[in-house]
Amino acid sequence: MTLALHSDGSYNAEPGSKSRAGGHFYMSNENDYNLPNGAILTLSKIIKYVMSSAGETEVASSYLNCKAALPLRIAL
């Protein structure tokens, strides 16, 4: 079993031109990531800084999700 995650960002979705980051963490088989085994953590967070493009929002969302995944990966 491996830790897998899906990451997504929503550009200008909040008041004040803020963006939202989301992520879904779950356990999956090593060779088949399409077979989820139950959620471990779901992250929904407003990005503190104003992003200037949707691409920056996706990068910030990936960063926040990877930052949250490190303690889970170490524990596993």
N, C-alpha and C. Protein backbone atom coordinates (compact mmCIF):
# COMPACT_ATOMS: atom_id res chain seq x y z
N MET A 1 0.85 -1.18 0.00
CA MET A 1 0.00 0.00 0.00
C MET A 1 0.89 1.24 0.00
N THR A 2 0.45 2.24 -0.72
CA THR A 2 1.16 3.51 -0.79
C THR A 2 0.19 4.66 -0.52
N LEU A 3 0.75 5.76 -0.09
CA LEU A 3 -0.03 6.97 0.13
C LEU A 3 -0.18 7.68 -1.21
N ALA A 4 -1.41 7.95 -1.60
CA ALA A 4 -1.69 8.67 -2.85
C ALA A 4 -2.51 9.91 -2.52
N LEU A 5 -2.43 10.92 -3.38
CA LEU A 5 -3.23 12.11 -3.15
C LEU A 5 -3.61 12.77 -4.47
N HIS A 6 -4.76 13.39 -4.45
CA HIS A 6 -5.23 14.21 -5.56
C HIS A 6 -5.24 15.65 -5.07
N SER A 7 -4.68 16.54 -5.86
CA SER A 7 -4.55 17.93 -5.49
C SER A 7 -5.27 18.80 -6.52
N ASP A 8 -5.93 19.87 -6.04
CA ASP A 8 -6.61 20.79 -6.94
C ASP A 8 -6.65 22.17 -6.31
N GLY A 9 -6.71 23.18 -7.15
CA GLY A 9 -6.80 24.55 -6.68
C GLY A 9 -7.90 25.29 -7.42
N SER A 10 -8.52 26.23 -6.73
CA SER A 10 -9.59 27.03 -7.31
C SER A 10 -9.16 28.49 -7.28
N TYR A 11 -9.00 29.08 -8.46
CA TYR A 11 -8.48 30.45 -8.60
C TYR A 11 -9.58 31.48 -8.37
N ASN A 12 -9.32 32.48 -7.53
CA ASN A 12 -10.24 33.59 -7.23
C ASN A 12 -11.62 33.11 -6.77
N ALA A 13 -11.65 32.11 -5.92
CA ALA A 13 -12.92 31.54 -5.48
C ALA A 13 -13.42 32.15 -4.18
N GLU A 14 -12.59 32.90 -3.50
CA GLU A 14 -12.94 33.46 -2.20
C GLU A 14 -12.91 34.99 -2.25
N PRO A 15 -13.60 35.64 -1.32
CA PRO A 15 -13.57 37.11 -1.28
C PRO A 15 -12.15 37.65 -1.11
N GLY A 16 -11.90 38.80 -1.68
CA GLY A 16 -10.58 39.41 -1.59
C GLY A 16 -9.59 38.81 -2.57
N SER A 17 -10.07 38.23 -3.65
CA SER A 17 -9.24 37.60 -4.69
C SER A 17 -8.37 36.48 -4.15
N LYS A 18 -8.85 35.79 -3.14
CA LYS A 18 -8.12 34.65 -2.58
C LYS A 18 -8.46 33.38 -3.35
N SER A 19 -7.57 32.41 -3.28
CA SER A 19 -7.78 31.13 -3.94
C SER A 19 -7.91 30.04 -2.89
N ARG A 20 -8.41 28.89 -3.31
CA ARG A 20 -8.63 27.77 -2.40
C ARG A 20 -7.84 26.57 -2.88
N ALA A 21 -7.22 25.86 -1.92
CA ALA A 21 -6.48 24.64 -2.21
C ALA A 21 -7.25 23.46 -1.62
N GLY A 22 -7.24 22.37 -2.34
CA GLY A 22 -7.91 21.17 -1.86
C GLY A 22 -7.07 19.94 -2.16
N GLY A 23 -7.21 18.94 -1.31
CA GLY A 23 -6.47 17.70 -1.52
C GLY A 23 -7.18 16.54 -0.85
N HIS A 24 -7.03 15.36 -1.43
CA HIS A 24 -7.65 14.14 -0.91
C HIS A 24 -6.56 13.08 -0.80
N PHE A 25 -6.28 12.63 0.42
CA PHE A 25 -5.23 11.66 0.70
C PHE A 25 -5.88 10.30 0.96
N TYR A 26 -5.34 9.25 0.36
CA TYR A 26 -5.88 7.90 0.56
C TYR A 26 -4.78 6.87 0.34
N MET A 27 -5.04 5.65 0.78
CA MET A 27 -4.13 4.54 0.56
C MET A 27 -4.55 3.84 -0.73
N SER A 28 -3.57 3.38 -1.50
CA SER A 28 -3.85 2.72 -2.77
C SER A 28 -2.82 1.63 -3.01
N ASN A 29 -3.12 0.75 -3.95
CA ASN A 29 -2.14 -0.25 -4.35
C ASN A 29 -1.01 0.42 -5.10
N GLU A 30 0.17 -0.16 -5.03
CA GLU A 30 1.35 0.46 -5.63
C GLU A 30 1.23 0.56 -7.16
N ASN A 31 0.61 -0.41 -7.79
CA ASN A 31 0.54 -0.43 -9.24
C ASN A 31 -0.77 0.11 -9.80
N ASP A 32 -1.80 0.25 -8.96
CA ASP A 32 -3.11 0.66 -9.44
C ASP A 32 -3.65 1.79 -8.57
N TYR A 33 -3.41 3.05 -8.99
CA TYR A 33 -3.86 4.20 -8.21
C TYR A 33 -5.35 4.48 -8.38
N ASN A 34 -6.02 3.73 -9.25
CA ASN A 34 -7.46 3.93 -9.44
C ASN A 34 -8.29 3.14 -8.43
N LEU A 35 -7.66 2.36 -7.57
CA LEU A 35 -8.37 1.56 -6.58
C LEU A 35 -8.19 2.18 -5.20
N PRO A 36 -9.03 3.16 -4.83
CA PRO A 36 -8.86 3.80 -3.52
C PRO A 36 -9.27 2.87 -2.38
N ASN A 37 -8.65 3.08 -1.23
CA ASN A 37 -8.87 2.22 -0.08
C ASN A 37 -9.40 3.01 1.11
N GLY A 38 -10.05 4.09 0.90
CA GLY A 38 -10.58 4.88 2.01
C GLY A 38 -9.77 6.14 2.26
N ALA A 39 -10.44 7.19 2.62
CA ALA A 39 -9.78 8.48 2.83
C ALA A 39 -9.03 8.50 4.15
N ILE A 40 -7.85 9.10 4.13
CA ILE A 40 -7.07 9.32 5.35
C ILE A 40 -7.24 10.77 5.80
N LEU A 41 -7.18 11.68 4.83
CA LEU A 41 -7.25 13.10 5.13
C LEU A 41 -7.81 13.84 3.92
N THR A 42 -8.66 14.81 4.15
CA THR A 42 -9.12 15.71 3.10
C THR A 42 -8.78 17.12 3.53
N LEU A 43 -8.06 17.83 2.67
CA LEU A 43 -7.57 19.17 2.98
C LEU A 43 -8.35 20.20 2.17
N SER A 44 -8.85 21.22 2.84
CA SER A 44 -9.51 22.34 2.18
C SER A 44 -9.04 23.61 2.88
N LYS A 45 -8.31 24.44 2.16
CA LYS A 45 -7.66 25.56 2.81
C LYS A 45 -7.68 26.78 1.89
N ILE A 46 -7.86 27.95 2.46
CA ILE A 46 -7.75 29.20 1.70
C ILE A 46 -6.28 29.58 1.65
N ILE A 47 -5.78 29.84 0.45
CA ILE A 47 -4.39 30.24 0.28
C ILE A 47 -4.25 31.68 0.76
N LYS A 48 -3.29 31.90 1.64
CA LYS A 48 -3.14 33.18 2.31
C LYS A 48 -2.79 34.32 1.35
N TYR A 49 -2.02 34.03 0.32
CA TYR A 49 -1.56 35.07 -0.60
C TYR A 49 -2.44 35.13 -1.84
N VAL A 50 -2.47 36.28 -2.48
CA VAL A 50 -3.24 36.46 -3.71
C VAL A 50 -2.41 35.92 -4.87
N MET A 51 -2.97 34.98 -5.60
CA MET A 51 -2.29 34.38 -6.75
C MET A 51 -2.63 35.18 -8.01
N SER A 52 -1.68 35.29 -8.93
CA SER A 52 -1.92 36.08 -10.14
C SER A 52 -2.39 35.24 -11.32
N SER A 53 -2.42 33.91 -11.18
CA SER A 53 -2.90 33.07 -12.27
C SER A 53 -3.38 31.73 -11.71
N ALA A 54 -4.12 31.00 -12.54
CA ALA A 54 -4.60 29.68 -12.14
C ALA A 54 -3.43 28.71 -11.98
N GLY A 55 -2.39 28.88 -12.77
CA GLY A 55 -1.20 28.03 -12.66
C GLY A 55 -0.51 28.19 -11.32
N GLU A 56 -0.40 29.43 -10.85
CA GLU A 56 0.19 29.66 -9.52
C GLU A 56 -0.67 29.04 -8.43
N THR A 57 -1.98 29.07 -8.60
CA THR A 57 -2.88 28.45 -7.63
C THR A 57 -2.65 26.94 -7.57
N GLU A 58 -2.47 26.30 -8.72
CA GLU A 58 -2.22 24.85 -8.76
C GLU A 58 -0.89 24.51 -8.08
N VAL A 59 0.14 25.32 -8.31
CA VAL A 59 1.44 25.08 -7.69
C VAL A 59 1.35 25.27 -6.18
N ALA A 60 0.67 26.32 -5.73
CA ALA A 60 0.51 26.56 -4.30
C ALA A 60 -0.30 25.43 -3.65
N SER A 61 -1.31 24.94 -4.35
CA SER A 61 -2.12 23.83 -3.84
C SER A 61 -1.28 22.56 -3.71
N SER A 62 -0.44 22.29 -4.70
CA SER A 62 0.44 21.12 -4.64
C SER A 62 1.43 21.25 -3.48
N TYR A 63 1.96 22.45 -3.28
CA TYR A 63 2.89 22.68 -2.17
C TYR A 63 2.22 22.42 -0.82
N LEU A 64 1.02 22.96 -0.62
CA LEU A 64 0.32 22.79 0.65
C LEU A 64 -0.03 21.32 0.89
N ASN A 65 -0.42 20.61 -0.16
CA ASN A 65 -0.75 19.20 -0.01
C ASN A 65 0.48 18.36 0.28
N CYS A 66 1.59 18.65 -0.38
CA CYS A 66 2.83 17.90 -0.10
C CYS A 66 3.34 18.19 1.30
N LYS A 67 3.17 19.41 1.75
CA LYS A 67 3.57 19.78 3.11
C LYS A 67 2.75 19.00 4.14
N ALA A 68 1.46 18.79 3.86
CA ALA A 68 0.61 18.02 4.77
C ALA A 68 0.87 16.52 4.66
N ALA A 69 1.39 16.07 3.52
CA ALA A 69 1.62 14.63 3.31
C ALA A 69 2.89 14.13 3.99
N LEU A 70 3.85 15.00 4.26
CA LEU A 70 5.12 14.55 4.83
C LEU A 70 4.97 13.81 6.16
N PRO A 71 4.24 14.35 7.15
CA PRO A 71 4.10 13.60 8.41
C PRO A 71 3.38 12.26 8.22
N LEU A 72 2.41 12.22 7.31
CA LEU A 72 1.70 10.96 7.03
C LEU A 72 2.65 9.93 6.42
N ARG A 73 3.47 10.38 5.49
CA ARG A 73 4.41 9.47 4.84
C ARG A 73 5.43 8.93 5.84
N ILE A 74 5.92 9.78 6.72
CA ILE A 74 6.89 9.34 7.73
C ILE A 74 6.24 8.32 8.68
N ALA A 75 4.99 8.57 9.05
CA ALA A 75 4.29 7.65 9.96
C ALA A 75 4.04 6.30 9.29
N LEU A 76 3.77 6.30 8.00
CA LEU A 76 3.53 5.05 7.30
C LEU A 76 4.82 4.29 7.08
